[in-house]
Amino acid sequence: MGRYTDKKVNNTPKAKKLKKELEKLGHKNVEVWYETIRSGGEMSGYEGGWNFCSGDEDEDYFDPCLGYNFEEALENIEQYDLREEKIRYES
């Protein structure tokens, strides 16, 4: 993927844990990083928190925010289960 190739990707224990959980859910080539929370544009709320992207050359999956903190990111991670989508498409 290589979008965020700096040293902030997948290098902290929390990022590695989120990466491992996403891989269990069927994601490949996962990149996880944390961005400092800041206020967004007008009427946009906050920006930042735990983010990830996954996929390969043919497919690409990106979500701007798993959660603003680690616990919230772990709770929200189940909604990105690609195993269920794969079963639906194969049926």
N, C-alpha and C. Protein backbone atom coordinates (compact mmCIF):
# COMPACT_ATOMS: atom_id res chain seq x y z
N MET A 1 0.84 -1.18 0.00
CA MET A 1 0.00 0.00 0.00
C MET A 1 0.89 1.24 0.00
N GLY A 2 1.65 1.44 1.07
CA GLY A 2 2.64 2.50 1.07
C GLY A 2 2.13 3.91 1.13
N ARG A 3 0.91 4.13 1.55
CA ARG A 3 0.43 5.51 1.65
C ARG A 3 1.15 6.27 2.74
N TYR A 4 1.27 5.63 3.87
CA TYR A 4 1.89 6.27 5.01
C TYR A 4 3.14 5.47 5.36
N THR A 5 4.20 5.75 4.68
CA THR A 5 5.41 4.94 4.82
C THR A 5 6.36 5.49 5.87
N ASP A 6 5.92 6.48 6.63
CA ASP A 6 6.82 7.01 7.65
C ASP A 6 6.87 6.10 8.87
N LYS A 7 7.66 6.48 9.84
CA LYS A 7 7.90 5.62 11.00
C LYS A 7 6.71 5.52 11.95
N LYS A 8 5.64 6.26 11.70
CA LYS A 8 4.48 6.22 12.57
C LYS A 8 3.54 5.05 12.28
N VAL A 9 3.75 4.33 11.21
CA VAL A 9 2.83 3.27 10.79
C VAL A 9 3.24 1.94 11.43
N ASN A 10 2.29 1.31 12.10
CA ASN A 10 2.44 -0.04 12.66
C ASN A 10 3.61 -0.19 13.62
N ASN A 11 4.08 0.88 14.24
CA ASN A 11 5.29 0.72 15.05
C ASN A 11 5.05 0.79 16.56
N THR A 12 3.88 1.16 17.02
CA THR A 12 3.61 1.19 18.46
C THR A 12 2.89 -0.09 18.86
N PRO A 13 2.95 -0.47 20.13
CA PRO A 13 2.23 -1.67 20.55
C PRO A 13 0.73 -1.60 20.26
N LYS A 14 0.12 -0.43 20.42
CA LYS A 14 -1.31 -0.29 20.15
C LYS A 14 -1.60 -0.43 18.65
N ALA A 15 -0.78 0.17 17.82
CA ALA A 15 -0.96 0.05 16.37
C ALA A 15 -0.79 -1.40 15.93
N LYS A 16 0.19 -2.09 16.51
CA LYS A 16 0.40 -3.50 16.17
C LYS A 16 -0.78 -4.36 16.59
N LYS A 17 -1.39 -4.05 17.74
CA LYS A 17 -2.56 -4.79 18.22
C LYS A 17 -3.74 -4.57 17.26
N LEU A 18 -3.99 -3.32 16.86
CA LEU A 18 -5.08 -3.02 15.93
C LEU A 18 -4.84 -3.70 14.59
N LYS A 19 -3.59 -3.68 14.13
CA LYS A 19 -3.24 -4.33 12.86
C LYS A 19 -3.54 -5.82 12.94
N LYS A 20 -3.15 -6.46 14.03
CA LYS A 20 -3.39 -7.89 14.21
C LYS A 20 -4.89 -8.20 14.21
N GLU A 21 -5.68 -7.38 14.88
CA GLU A 21 -7.13 -7.59 14.92
C GLU A 21 -7.76 -7.41 13.54
N LEU A 22 -7.30 -6.42 12.78
CA LEU A 22 -7.82 -6.22 11.42
C LEU A 22 -7.45 -7.39 10.51
N GLU A 23 -6.25 -7.91 10.67
CA GLU A 23 -5.84 -9.07 9.87
C GLU A 23 -6.69 -10.30 10.20
N LYS A 24 -7.08 -10.45 11.47
CA LYS A 24 -7.98 -11.55 11.84
C LYS A 24 -9.33 -11.43 11.15
N LEU A 25 -9.72 -10.19 10.83
CA LEU A 25 -11.00 -9.93 10.18
C LEU A 25 -10.92 -9.99 8.65
N GLY A 26 -9.77 -10.40 8.12
CA GLY A 26 -9.64 -10.60 6.68
C GLY A 26 -8.92 -9.50 5.92
N HIS A 27 -8.43 -8.49 6.59
CA HIS A 27 -7.70 -7.42 5.91
C HIS A 27 -6.27 -7.86 5.63
N LYS A 28 -5.73 -7.40 4.51
CA LYS A 28 -4.35 -7.70 4.14
C LYS A 28 -3.60 -6.39 3.90
N ASN A 29 -2.28 -6.44 4.07
CA ASN A 29 -1.43 -5.25 3.89
C ASN A 29 -1.95 -4.07 4.71
N VAL A 30 -2.18 -4.30 5.97
CA VAL A 30 -2.79 -3.30 6.86
C VAL A 30 -1.76 -2.28 7.31
N GLU A 31 -2.16 -1.02 7.27
CA GLU A 31 -1.36 0.08 7.80
C GLU A 31 -2.22 0.80 8.84
N VAL A 32 -1.72 0.91 10.06
CA VAL A 32 -2.45 1.56 11.15
C VAL A 32 -1.59 2.70 11.68
N TRP A 33 -2.21 3.84 11.95
CA TRP A 33 -1.47 4.97 12.50
C TRP A 33 -2.40 5.83 13.34
N TYR A 34 -1.81 6.67 14.16
CA TYR A 34 -2.56 7.59 15.01
C TYR A 34 -2.23 9.01 14.60
N GLU A 35 -3.28 9.81 14.48
CA GLU A 35 -3.11 11.24 14.19
C GLU A 35 -3.65 12.02 15.38
N THR A 36 -2.97 13.07 15.75
CA THR A 36 -3.40 13.91 16.86
C THR A 36 -4.79 14.45 16.59
N ILE A 37 -5.64 14.42 17.61
CA ILE A 37 -7.01 14.91 17.46
C ILE A 37 -6.98 16.43 17.42
N ARG A 38 -7.70 16.98 16.46
CA ARG A 38 -7.78 18.43 16.28
C ARG A 38 -9.15 18.77 15.74
N SER A 39 -9.53 20.02 15.80
CA SER A 39 -10.85 20.36 15.28
C SER A 39 -10.80 20.43 13.77
N GLY A 40 -11.86 19.94 13.15
CA GLY A 40 -11.94 19.90 11.69
C GLY A 40 -12.51 21.19 11.15
N GLY A 41 -12.94 21.12 9.93
CA GLY A 41 -13.53 22.28 9.29
C GLY A 41 -14.87 22.65 9.93
N GLU A 42 -15.43 23.73 9.45
CA GLU A 42 -16.70 24.20 9.99
C GLU A 42 -17.77 23.11 9.88
N MET A 43 -18.44 22.84 10.98
CA MET A 43 -19.51 21.84 11.08
C MET A 43 -19.02 20.42 10.79
N SER A 44 -17.74 20.16 10.99
CA SER A 44 -17.19 18.84 10.68
C SER A 44 -16.83 18.02 11.91
N GLY A 45 -16.80 18.60 13.07
CA GLY A 45 -16.39 17.86 14.25
C GLY A 45 -14.88 17.73 14.30
N TYR A 46 -14.43 16.69 14.99
CA TYR A 46 -12.99 16.49 15.17
C TYR A 46 -12.39 15.64 14.06
N GLU A 47 -11.09 15.81 13.87
CA GLU A 47 -10.31 14.98 12.94
C GLU A 47 -9.22 14.30 13.75
N GLY A 48 -8.71 13.20 13.23
CA GLY A 48 -7.61 12.50 13.88
C GLY A 48 -8.06 11.22 14.54
N GLY A 49 -7.22 10.66 15.40
CA GLY A 49 -7.51 9.41 16.07
C GLY A 49 -6.82 8.25 15.35
N TRP A 50 -7.30 7.03 15.61
CA TRP A 50 -6.73 5.82 15.01
C TRP A 50 -7.32 5.61 13.63
N ASN A 51 -6.46 5.46 12.63
CA ASN A 51 -6.86 5.28 11.23
C ASN A 51 -6.20 4.04 10.67
N PHE A 52 -6.78 3.53 9.58
CA PHE A 52 -6.14 2.41 8.90
C PHE A 52 -6.50 2.39 7.43
N CYS A 53 -5.68 1.72 6.66
CA CYS A 53 -6.02 1.37 5.28
C CYS A 53 -5.49 -0.03 5.06
N SER A 54 -6.11 -0.73 4.13
CA SER A 54 -5.68 -2.10 3.82
C SER A 54 -6.02 -2.40 2.38
N GLY A 55 -5.52 -3.53 1.89
CA GLY A 55 -5.80 -3.94 0.53
C GLY A 55 -4.52 -4.17 -0.24
N ASP A 56 -4.67 -4.21 -1.56
CA ASP A 56 -3.51 -4.39 -2.41
C ASP A 56 -3.71 -3.56 -3.67
N GLU A 57 -3.01 -3.89 -4.71
CA GLU A 57 -3.09 -3.11 -5.95
C GLU A 57 -4.49 -3.12 -6.56
N ASP A 58 -5.19 -4.25 -6.46
CA ASP A 58 -6.50 -4.39 -7.09
C ASP A 58 -7.64 -3.84 -6.26
N GLU A 59 -7.54 -3.96 -4.94
CA GLU A 59 -8.59 -3.47 -4.07
C GLU A 59 -7.98 -2.60 -3.00
N ASP A 60 -8.77 -1.67 -2.51
CA ASP A 60 -8.25 -0.73 -1.54
C ASP A 60 -9.36 -0.42 -0.55
N TYR A 61 -9.06 -0.47 0.73
CA TYR A 61 -10.03 -0.17 1.77
C TYR A 61 -9.43 0.87 2.68
N PHE A 62 -10.15 1.95 2.90
CA PHE A 62 -9.64 3.02 3.75
C PHE A 62 -10.78 3.55 4.61
N ASP A 63 -10.52 3.74 5.88
CA ASP A 63 -11.48 4.39 6.75
C ASP A 63 -10.76 5.50 7.49
N PRO A 64 -11.36 6.67 7.51
CA PRO A 64 -10.66 7.79 8.11
C PRO A 64 -10.47 7.69 9.62
N CYS A 65 -11.32 6.94 10.34
CA CYS A 65 -11.16 6.91 11.78
C CYS A 65 -11.79 5.66 12.39
N LEU A 66 -10.98 4.85 13.03
CA LEU A 66 -11.49 3.72 13.82
C LEU A 66 -12.05 4.22 15.14
N GLY A 67 -11.41 5.19 15.72
CA GLY A 67 -11.84 5.76 17.00
C GLY A 67 -10.87 6.82 17.45
N TYR A 68 -11.35 7.67 18.35
CA TYR A 68 -10.49 8.74 18.85
C TYR A 68 -9.50 8.25 19.89
N ASN A 69 -9.82 7.13 20.57
CA ASN A 69 -8.87 6.55 21.51
C ASN A 69 -8.77 5.05 21.24
N PHE A 70 -7.80 4.39 21.87
CA PHE A 70 -7.52 2.99 21.59
C PHE A 70 -8.69 2.08 21.93
N GLU A 71 -9.32 2.32 23.07
CA GLU A 71 -10.45 1.48 23.50
C GLU A 71 -11.62 1.59 22.52
N GLU A 72 -11.90 2.80 22.07
CA GLU A 72 -12.98 3.01 21.10
C GLU A 72 -12.64 2.33 19.77
N ALA A 73 -11.39 2.39 19.37
CA ALA A 73 -10.96 1.75 18.12
C ALA A 73 -11.15 0.24 18.21
N LEU A 74 -10.79 -0.37 19.35
CA LEU A 74 -10.98 -1.81 19.52
C LEU A 74 -12.46 -2.19 19.49
N GLU A 75 -13.32 -1.36 20.06
CA GLU A 75 -14.76 -1.63 20.05
C GLU A 75 -15.33 -1.53 18.63
N ASN A 76 -14.87 -0.57 17.87
CA ASN A 76 -15.41 -0.32 16.53
C ASN A 76 -14.87 -1.26 15.46
N ILE A 77 -13.81 -1.97 15.76
CA ILE A 77 -13.10 -2.75 14.75
C ILE A 77 -13.96 -3.86 14.14
N GLU A 78 -14.92 -4.38 14.90
CA GLU A 78 -15.77 -5.48 14.42
C GLU A 78 -16.60 -5.10 13.20
N GLN A 79 -16.89 -3.82 13.04
CA GLN A 79 -17.70 -3.41 11.88
C GLN A 79 -16.93 -3.47 10.56
N TYR A 80 -15.66 -3.76 10.63
CA TYR A 80 -14.83 -3.86 9.42
C TYR A 80 -14.48 -5.31 9.10
N ASP A 81 -15.36 -6.23 9.44
CA ASP A 81 -15.14 -7.66 9.23
C ASP A 81 -15.34 -8.00 7.75
N LEU A 82 -14.26 -8.28 7.05
CA LEU A 82 -14.33 -8.64 5.62
C LEU A 82 -14.68 -10.11 5.42
N ARG A 83 -14.57 -10.92 6.45
CA ARG A 83 -14.90 -12.35 6.31
C ARG A 83 -16.37 -12.52 5.98
N GLU A 84 -17.25 -11.73 6.57
CA GLU A 84 -18.68 -11.81 6.29
C GLU A 84 -18.97 -11.41 4.84
N GLU A 85 -18.30 -10.36 4.35
CA GLU A 85 -18.50 -9.93 2.97
C GLU A 85 -18.07 -11.03 2.00
N LYS A 86 -16.96 -11.68 2.29
CA LYS A 86 -16.46 -12.75 1.43
C LYS A 86 -17.46 -13.89 1.35
N ILE A 87 -18.06 -14.25 2.48
CA ILE A 87 -19.06 -15.33 2.50
C ILE A 87 -20.27 -14.92 1.68
N ARG A 88 -20.73 -13.68 1.80
CA ARG A 88 -21.89 -13.20 1.02
C ARG A 88 -21.62 -13.27 -0.48
N TYR A 89 -20.42 -12.87 -0.91
CA TYR A 89 -20.12 -12.85 -2.33
C TYR A 89 -19.94 -14.26 -2.90
N GLU A 90 -19.49 -15.19 -2.07
CA GLU A 90 -19.29 -16.55 -2.55
C GLU A 90 -20.59 -17.33 -2.66
N SER A 91 -21.62 -16.89 -1.93
CA SER A 91 -22.91 -17.61 -1.94
C SER A 91 -23.68 -17.38 -3.21
